[in-house]
Protein backbone atom coordinates (compact mmCIF):
# COMPACT_ATOMS: atom_id res chain seq x y z
CA UNK A 1 57.03 182.17 57.10
CA UNK A 2 53.35 181.32 57.52
CA UNK A 3 53.94 180.41 61.18
CA UNK A 4 55.63 183.78 61.73
CA UNK A 5 52.66 185.66 60.22
CA UNK A 6 50.22 183.70 62.39
CA UNK A 7 52.35 184.41 65.46
CA UNK A 8 52.43 188.15 64.66
CA UNK A 9 48.66 188.21 64.15
CA UNK A 10 48.10 186.52 67.52
CA UNK A 11 50.60 188.87 69.21
CA UNK A 12 48.96 191.99 67.74
CA UNK A 13 45.50 190.74 68.62
CA UNK A 14 46.60 190.14 72.21
CA UNK A 15 48.09 193.63 72.35
CA UNK A 16 44.88 195.18 71.04
CA UNK A 17 42.92 193.24 73.59
CA UNK A 18 45.06 194.58 76.39
CA UNK A 19 44.62 198.12 75.08
CA UNK A 20 40.87 197.71 75.16
CA UNK A 21 41.04 196.40 78.71
CA UNK A 22 42.82 199.52 79.97
CA UNK A 23 40.79 200.98 82.84
CA UNK A 24 40.27 204.65 83.63
CA UNK A 25 41.95 206.05 86.71
CA UNK A 26 40.49 209.05 88.48
CA UNK A 27 42.73 210.90 90.90
CA UNK A 28 43.13 214.22 92.70
CA UNK A 29 46.18 216.43 92.45
CA UNK A 30 47.11 219.00 95.07
CA UNK A 31 49.31 221.86 93.95
CA UNK A 32 51.97 223.55 96.06
CA UNK A 33 49.60 226.45 96.71
CA UNK A 34 47.09 224.03 98.28
CA UNK A 35 44.67 224.06 95.36
CA UNK A 36 43.05 220.84 94.13
CA UNK A 37 42.38 219.45 90.65
CA UNK A 38 40.52 216.34 89.50
CA UNK A 39 42.32 214.19 86.93
CA UNK A 40 40.95 211.46 84.68
CA UNK A 41 43.79 209.42 83.24
CA UNK A 42 46.15 212.25 84.26
CA UNK A 43 44.14 214.85 82.30
CA UNK A 44 42.36 217.74 84.10
CA UNK A 45 38.61 217.19 84.46
CA UNK A 46 36.10 219.83 85.57
CA UNK A 47 32.76 218.38 86.69
CA UNK A 48 30.08 220.10 84.61
CA UNK A 49 27.22 218.02 85.91
CA UNK A 50 23.50 217.60 86.43
CA UNK A 51 21.54 215.57 88.96
CA UNK A 52 19.70 212.91 87.01
CA UNK A 53 16.38 211.37 88.05
CA UNK A 54 14.06 211.58 85.01
CA UNK A 55 10.74 210.54 86.54
CA UNK A 56 7.99 210.83 83.92
CA UNK A 57 4.80 212.84 84.39
CA UNK A 58 2.23 210.73 86.26
CA UNK A 59 4.80 208.73 88.24
CA UNK A 60 6.35 209.19 91.70
CA UNK A 61 9.86 208.77 93.02
CA UNK A 62 9.12 205.04 93.27
CA UNK A 63 9.23 204.79 89.48
CA UNK A 64 12.36 202.88 88.45
CA UNK A 65 13.54 205.01 85.52
CA UNK A 66 16.72 202.95 85.28
CA UNK A 67 14.61 200.03 83.99
CA UNK A 68 12.44 202.18 81.71
CA UNK A 69 12.40 200.41 78.29
CA UNK A 70 12.12 203.84 76.62
CA UNK A 71 15.65 204.63 77.88
CA UNK A 72 15.17 208.37 78.50
CA UNK A 73 18.95 208.83 78.84
CA UNK A 74 19.33 208.26 75.10
CA UNK A 75 17.39 211.46 74.36
CA UNK A 76 18.66 213.27 77.45
CA UNK A 77 22.26 212.29 76.77
CA UNK A 78 22.28 214.03 73.41
CA UNK A 79 20.78 217.19 74.91
CA UNK A 80 23.32 217.06 77.73
CA UNK A 81 26.26 216.55 75.40
CA UNK A 82 25.16 219.49 73.25
CA UNK A 83 24.93 221.62 76.39
CA UNK A 84 28.44 220.65 77.51
CA UNK A 85 27.44 218.35 80.39
CA UNK A 86 30.15 215.78 81.09
CA UNK A 87 28.81 214.25 84.32
CA UNK A 88 25.55 213.05 85.85
CA UNK A 89 24.92 212.41 89.51
CA UNK A 90 22.87 209.28 90.27
CA UNK A 91 21.54 209.16 93.81
CA UNK A 92 21.29 205.35 93.97
CA UNK A 93 21.99 202.45 91.60
CA UNK A 94 18.60 200.85 92.30
CA UNK A 95 17.93 197.16 92.77
CA UNK A 96 18.52 196.15 89.14
CA UNK A 97 22.27 196.67 88.98
CA UNK A 98 22.66 195.31 85.44
CA UNK A 99 20.23 197.95 84.08
CA UNK A 100 22.07 200.72 85.92
CA UNK A 101 25.42 199.50 84.62
CA UNK A 102 24.05 199.50 81.08
CA UNK A 103 22.76 203.07 81.49
CA UNK A 104 26.10 204.32 82.81
CA UNK A 105 27.96 202.63 79.94
CA UNK A 106 25.59 204.00 77.31
CA UNK A 107 25.80 207.56 78.61
CA UNK A 108 29.58 207.29 78.44
CA UNK A 109 30.10 205.39 75.18
CA UNK A 110 27.46 207.36 73.26
CA UNK A 111 27.94 210.83 74.73
CA UNK A 112 31.14 210.88 76.81
CA UNK A 113 29.16 211.55 80.00
CA UNK A 114 30.57 210.10 83.23
CA UNK A 115 28.66 209.22 86.40
CA UNK A 116 28.99 210.05 90.09
CA UNK A 117 27.33 207.01 91.64
CA UNK A 118 25.74 207.55 95.03
CA UNK A 119 24.45 205.49 97.93
CA UNK A 120 22.17 207.03 100.57
CA UNK A 121 23.39 204.55 103.23
CA UNK A 122 19.77 203.72 104.07
CA UNK A 123 19.01 207.22 105.32
CA UNK A 124 15.79 207.71 103.34
CA UNK A 125 14.58 204.11 103.56
CA UNK A 126 12.07 202.40 105.82
CA UNK A 127 12.63 201.26 108.52
CA UNK A 128 14.68 204.36 109.40
CA UNK A 129 18.45 204.26 109.53
CA UNK A 130 20.22 203.84 112.86
CA UNK A 131 23.97 204.24 112.52
CA UNK A 132 24.46 203.30 116.17
CA UNK A 133 23.07 199.81 115.49
CA UNK A 134 25.77 197.30 114.58
CA UNK A 135 23.43 195.05 112.59
CA UNK A 136 22.27 198.02 110.51
CA UNK A 137 25.85 199.09 109.80
CA UNK A 138 26.75 195.55 108.73
CA UNK A 139 23.76 195.38 106.40
CA UNK A 140 24.60 198.71 104.74
CA UNK A 141 28.28 197.80 104.50
CA UNK A 142 27.43 194.54 102.75
CA UNK A 143 25.20 196.33 100.25
CA UNK A 144 27.70 199.10 99.52
CA UNK A 145 30.55 196.64 98.94
CA UNK A 146 28.38 194.58 96.58
CA UNK A 147 27.63 197.74 94.60
CA UNK A 148 31.29 198.77 94.49
CA UNK A 149 32.46 195.33 93.38
CA UNK A 150 29.82 195.27 90.65
CA UNK A 151 30.43 198.76 89.21
CA UNK A 152 34.14 199.39 89.84
CA UNK A 153 35.23 198.60 86.26
CA UNK A 154 32.22 200.19 84.54
CA UNK A 155 33.28 202.52 81.72
CA UNK A 156 32.22 206.06 82.63
CA UNK A 157 32.27 205.71 86.41
CA UNK A 158 33.78 208.89 87.90
CA UNK A 159 33.52 208.62 91.69
CA UNK A 160 31.50 207.29 94.63
CA UNK A 161 29.29 209.52 96.79
CA UNK A 162 28.35 208.22 100.25
CA UNK A 163 25.24 209.70 101.84
CA UNK A 164 22.75 212.42 100.97
CA UNK A 165 22.32 215.02 103.73
CA UNK A 166 22.58 212.30 106.42
CA UNK A 167 24.36 214.80 108.66
CA UNK A 168 21.05 216.67 109.16
CA UNK A 169 20.05 213.89 111.56
CA UNK A 170 22.70 214.85 114.10
CA UNK A 171 20.39 217.28 115.92
CA UNK A 172 17.69 214.58 116.11
CA UNK A 173 15.09 216.44 114.05
CA UNK A 174 15.40 214.85 110.60
CA UNK A 175 15.14 211.04 110.49
CA UNK A 176 16.22 210.80 114.15
CA UNK A 177 18.23 207.87 115.43
CA UNK A 178 19.79 207.10 118.80
CA UNK A 179 21.14 204.48 121.19
CA UNK A 180 21.46 203.99 124.96
CA UNK A 181 24.76 205.89 125.03
CA UNK A 182 23.22 208.96 123.38
CA UNK A 183 19.96 208.77 125.34
CA UNK A 184 21.92 208.85 128.60
CA UNK A 185 23.51 212.19 127.68
CA UNK A 186 21.93 215.32 129.13
CA UNK A 187 23.59 217.93 126.94
CA UNK A 188 22.17 218.54 123.44
CA UNK A 189 25.59 219.36 121.95
CA UNK A 190 27.05 216.16 123.39
CA UNK A 191 24.28 214.15 121.73
CA UNK A 192 24.85 215.86 118.42
CA UNK A 193 28.60 215.29 118.56
CA UNK A 194 28.10 211.62 119.49
CA UNK A 195 25.92 211.10 116.43
CA UNK A 196 28.50 212.86 114.25
CA UNK A 197 31.27 210.65 115.65
CA UNK A 198 29.29 207.44 115.11
CA UNK A 199 28.12 208.36 111.61
CA UNK A 200 31.36 209.79 110.22
CA UNK A 201 33.40 206.93 111.68
CA UNK A 202 31.08 204.53 109.87
CA UNK A 203 31.46 206.42 106.57
CA UNK A 204 35.23 206.37 107.00
CA UNK A 205 35.18 202.60 107.47
CA UNK A 206 33.23 202.32 104.21
CA UNK A 207 35.72 204.54 102.40
CA UNK A 208 38.65 202.37 103.52
CA UNK A 209 36.88 199.22 102.36
CA UNK A 210 35.93 200.79 99.02
CA UNK A 211 39.53 201.75 98.32
CA UNK A 212 40.68 198.17 98.82
CA UNK A 213 38.17 197.01 96.20
CA UNK A 214 38.44 200.02 93.90
CA UNK A 215 41.54 202.21 94.20
CA UNK A 216 40.82 203.84 90.82
CA UNK A 217 37.91 206.10 91.83
CA UNK A 218 37.73 208.74 94.61
CA UNK A 219 35.23 208.46 97.47
CA UNK A 220 33.14 211.50 98.38
CA UNK A 221 31.22 212.35 101.55
CA UNK A 222 27.62 213.30 100.66
CA UNK A 223 27.04 216.14 103.12
CA UNK A 224 24.40 218.79 103.54
CA UNK A 225 26.14 222.21 103.51
CA UNK A 226 29.11 222.49 105.93
CA UNK A 227 27.16 221.10 108.91
CA UNK A 228 29.35 218.70 110.87
CA UNK A 229 32.49 219.14 108.76
CA UNK A 230 34.71 219.80 111.78
CA UNK A 231 33.68 216.40 113.12
CA UNK A 232 34.11 214.84 109.67
CA UNK A 233 37.69 216.09 109.65
CA UNK A 234 38.31 214.13 112.87
CA UNK A 235 36.51 210.91 111.97
CA UNK A 236 36.64 210.77 108.13
CA UNK A 237 40.34 211.17 107.23
CA UNK A 238 40.16 208.56 104.46
CA UNK A 239 37.57 210.45 102.37
CA UNK A 240 38.94 212.01 99.17
CA UNK A 241 36.25 214.58 98.39
CA UNK A 242 33.50 216.50 100.13
CA UNK A 243 30.27 216.29 98.16
CA UNK A 244 28.09 219.14 99.41
CA UNK A 245 24.46 220.12 98.78
CA UNK A 246 24.35 223.92 98.85
CA UNK A 247 21.61 226.47 98.14
CA UNK A 248 22.75 230.01 98.98
CA UNK A 249 21.32 232.13 96.21
CA UNK A 250 23.32 233.82 93.46
CA UNK A 251 26.72 232.98 94.93
CA UNK A 252 27.97 230.63 97.64
CA UNK A 253 29.33 233.28 99.99
CA UNK A 254 31.82 231.92 102.49
CA UNK A 255 31.12 228.29 101.62
CA UNK A 256 34.45 227.45 100.00
CA UNK A 257 36.34 229.26 102.74
CA UNK A 258 34.34 227.37 105.40
CA UNK A 259 35.20 224.03 103.80
CA UNK A 260 38.88 224.91 103.71
CA UNK A 261 38.83 225.95 107.35
CA UNK A 262 36.77 223.04 108.68
CA UNK A 263 37.94 220.11 106.54
CA UNK A 264 40.59 220.89 103.94
CA UNK A 265 39.55 218.53 101.16
CA UNK A 266 38.50 219.21 97.57
CA UNK A 267 34.78 219.81 97.20
CA UNK A 268 32.14 219.01 94.58
CA UNK A 269 28.76 220.71 94.79
CA UNK A 270 26.59 217.62 94.39
CA UNK A 271 23.49 219.82 94.35
CA UNK A 272 23.07 223.51 93.64
CA UNK A 273 20.55 225.41 91.58
CA UNK A 274 17.53 227.67 91.24
CA UNK A 275 13.91 226.87 90.45
CA UNK A 276 12.08 228.37 87.48
CA UNK A 277 8.93 229.56 89.25
CA UNK A 278 8.35 233.01 90.71
CA UNK A 279 6.14 232.84 93.81
CA UNK A 280 5.60 236.60 93.92
CA UNK A 281 4.46 236.89 90.31
CA UNK A 282 2.87 233.43 90.36
CA UNK A 283 4.35 232.49 87.02
CA UNK A 284 7.22 230.65 85.40
CA UNK A 285 10.43 232.68 85.56
CA UNK A 286 13.11 231.35 83.23
CA UNK A 287 15.09 234.58 83.20
CA UNK A 288 15.85 234.61 86.93
CA UNK A 289 16.64 230.89 86.94
CA UNK A 290 19.16 231.45 84.13
CA UNK A 291 20.62 234.53 85.84
CA UNK A 292 21.13 232.70 89.14
CA UNK A 293 22.61 229.56 87.59
CA UNK A 294 25.08 231.59 85.54
CA UNK A 295 26.18 233.48 88.66
CA UNK A 296 26.50 230.24 90.67
CA UNK A 297 28.64 228.59 88.01
CA UNK A 298 30.94 231.60 87.74
CA UNK A 299 31.42 231.44 91.52
CA UNK A 300 32.28 227.73 91.25
CA UNK A 301 34.73 228.52 88.47
CA UNK A 302 36.32 231.25 90.56
CA UNK A 303 37.04 228.71 93.32
CA UNK A 304 38.67 226.09 91.09
CA UNK A 305 42.40 225.49 91.01
CA UNK A 306 44.40 228.61 90.10
CA UNK A 307 41.29 230.78 90.25
CA UNK A 308 40.84 233.88 92.38
CA UNK A 309 39.07 231.99 95.19
CA UNK A 310 39.99 229.13 97.51
CA UNK A 311 41.08 226.68 94.79
CA UNK A 312 39.28 223.74 96.39
CA UNK A 313 36.33 223.22 94.00
CA UNK A 314 36.28 220.44 91.39
CA UNK A 315 32.96 221.48 89.82
CA UNK A 316 29.34 220.68 90.52
CA UNK A 317 26.05 219.07 89.52
CA UNK A 318 23.04 221.31 88.94
CA UNK A 319 19.78 220.26 90.56
CA UNK A 320 18.36 219.18 88.27
CA UNK A 321 17.98 217.92 84.72
CA UNK A 322 14.16 217.62 84.43
CA UNK A 323 11.25 218.91 86.51
CA UNK A 324 9.74 216.50 89.05
CA UNK A 325 5.95 216.75 88.87
CA UNK A 326 5.40 214.29 91.74
CA UNK A 327 7.29 216.15 94.41
CA UNK A 328 4.71 218.43 96.04
CA UNK A 329 2.58 215.53 97.27
CA UNK A 330 4.23 212.18 96.86
CA UNK A 331 1.24 210.41 98.45
CA UNK A 332 -1.37 212.01 96.16
CA UNK A 333 -1.42 210.05 92.90
CA UNK A 334 -3.61 212.65 91.16
CA UNK A 335 -1.01 215.35 91.76
CA UNK A 336 1.68 213.45 89.86
CA UNK A 337 0.10 214.55 86.57
CA UNK A 338 -0.23 218.19 87.69
CA UNK A 339 2.64 220.70 87.66
CA UNK A 340 2.02 222.16 91.12
CA UNK A 341 3.32 225.58 92.14
CA UNK A 342 3.42 224.94 95.88
CA UNK A 343 6.67 226.08 97.55
CA UNK A 344 7.84 223.71 100.25
CA UNK A 345 10.47 225.89 101.91
CA UNK A 346 11.89 229.38 101.92
CA UNK A 347 15.32 230.81 101.13
CA UNK A 348 15.75 234.57 101.30
CA UNK A 349 18.91 234.55 99.20
CA UNK A 350 16.76 233.85 96.14
CA UNK A 351 15.76 237.49 96.16
CA UNK A 352 13.51 237.61 93.10
CA UNK A 353 10.64 235.97 95.00
CA UNK A 354 11.87 235.93 98.59
CA UNK A 355 9.01 238.19 99.68
CA UNK A 356 6.68 235.22 99.29
CA UNK A 357 8.30 233.57 102.34
CA UNK A 358 8.26 230.01 101.08
CA UNK A 359 9.69 230.41 97.61
CA UNK A 360 11.52 227.19 96.69
CA UNK A 361 9.39 225.22 94.22
CA UNK A 362 10.58 221.61 94.19
CA UNK A 363 8.67 220.76 91.01
CA UNK A 364 10.34 223.52 88.94
CA UNK A 365 14.11 223.05 89.30
CA UNK A 366 14.62 221.42 85.89
CA UNK A 367 16.96 222.79 83.25
CA UNK A 368 14.53 221.01 80.97
CA UNK A 369 10.76 221.28 81.20
CA UNK A 370 8.44 218.34 80.50
CA UNK A 371 5.35 218.06 78.35
CA UNK A 372 2.57 215.51 78.73
CA UNK A 373 3.03 214.78 75.02
CA UNK A 374 5.16 211.71 74.37
CA UNK A 375 7.98 211.39 71.88
CA UNK A 376 9.84 208.09 71.51
CA UNK A 377 8.01 206.87 74.60
CA UNK A 378 9.10 209.70 76.93
CA UNK A 379 7.72 213.12 77.82
CA UNK A 380 8.82 215.78 75.35
CA UNK A 381 11.74 217.84 76.61
CA UNK A 382 11.84 221.63 76.32
CA UNK A 383 15.16 223.22 77.37
CA UNK A 384 14.74 226.38 79.42
CA UNK A 385 16.78 229.54 78.98
CA UNK A 386 19.23 228.32 81.65
CA UNK A 387 20.11 225.39 79.39
CA UNK A 388 21.33 227.78 76.68
CA UNK A 389 23.15 230.05 79.13
CA UNK A 390 25.02 227.09 80.62
CA UNK A 391 25.66 225.72 77.14
CA UNK A 392 27.46 228.95 76.32
CA UNK A 393 29.56 228.71 79.49
CA UNK A 394 30.33 224.99 79.21
CA UNK A 395 30.79 224.46 75.51
CA UNK A 396 33.39 226.22 73.34
CA UNK A 397 31.22 225.69 70.27
CA UNK A 398 28.61 228.09 71.65
CA UNK A 399 30.77 230.78 73.26
CA UNK A 400 29.50 233.42 70.86
CA UNK A 401 25.99 232.07 70.49
CA UNK A 402 23.61 234.97 71.01
CA UNK A 403 20.75 232.61 71.88
CA UNK A 404 21.98 232.76 75.49
CA UNK A 405 20.85 236.40 75.54
CA UNK A 406 17.30 235.43 74.60
CA UNK A 407 14.60 237.04 76.71
CA UNK A 408 11.99 234.47 77.68
CA UNK A 409 8.42 235.54 78.30
CA UNK A 410 7.13 233.97 81.49
CA UNK A 411 4.24 231.55 81.31
CA UNK A 412 1.41 231.53 83.84
């Protein structure tokens, strides 16, 4: 009898162990009407996300927040969960993979927040990327596969995102790259198409390799807008998702229709948003930020499966979680501790301050503002009005919370 009890205990323990080892599987379902839906373990999953790069005041983009001993994601994760955020977008895993893995696991196990893990494919590094160079492609491929092998079984991983606006190099103006074949071409459009062919073919080769290592997570193309998507459709057939960075004002206009026409794949908005500074009034403007973000999310929702739109949207990640005080002048150390109001570029669709010409304030996109005061080793967080408006949209608990109707007085 004792032997039987021992056997049963061992058997049950083994069974429990297997249950714990069960891995998530993320997949995409296409309905008969052509609409797409993201599934996590066969359950529908809408990406209610934020771009996450919590650089503290006084530091630049070179600061490795993933290794920050203060672990800002512990505080941020609770705020995110309360808001209804279920996903963060990480642009890169950094060099310390073990620290990144720990962060992803903690966000998931503590708060249920999953991660879209990106890789820029060397586009923003030095020396500059050259996708026509075989040695460069081999180096990037090796790095990407190491990352995939390391993270593929990490609890909370949602999908891979390859690139970050790399397609803006096709016209040779942003981070230009070339080769003898392209240089010999006389026609500008031929050069652009050659770069698209070379780059998207490379990304497709990465996607195929990733799927052999990790068939449980989709692979997204990190594209800027819809630029080059017709070429991507030709050379990137093995991609699962289009990850697009889109800033078009209150709504996204023909964006979802354009995606469907050019490259019929499901799409995640890996960046969208509105800054919280009014260049015309020269003051903080939380009300317009909240108004625009609410309108943008409702447009995303409209274009999800079985909505009134194109049915090809899986959700999106708002740019961004916290303000970035370093961004106006990355080379000026003194400016990293100053919340600058310089606007780096203009977008007329953000009508509330479009008259200023350049009206997009890179240091003011946060859903959460920062204070120079420290709490638990990190800058104090102050959620803006948009946080509460999105919380009402994303979280059943707050559907009737009147705080989302709060009028916020602008600060100069």
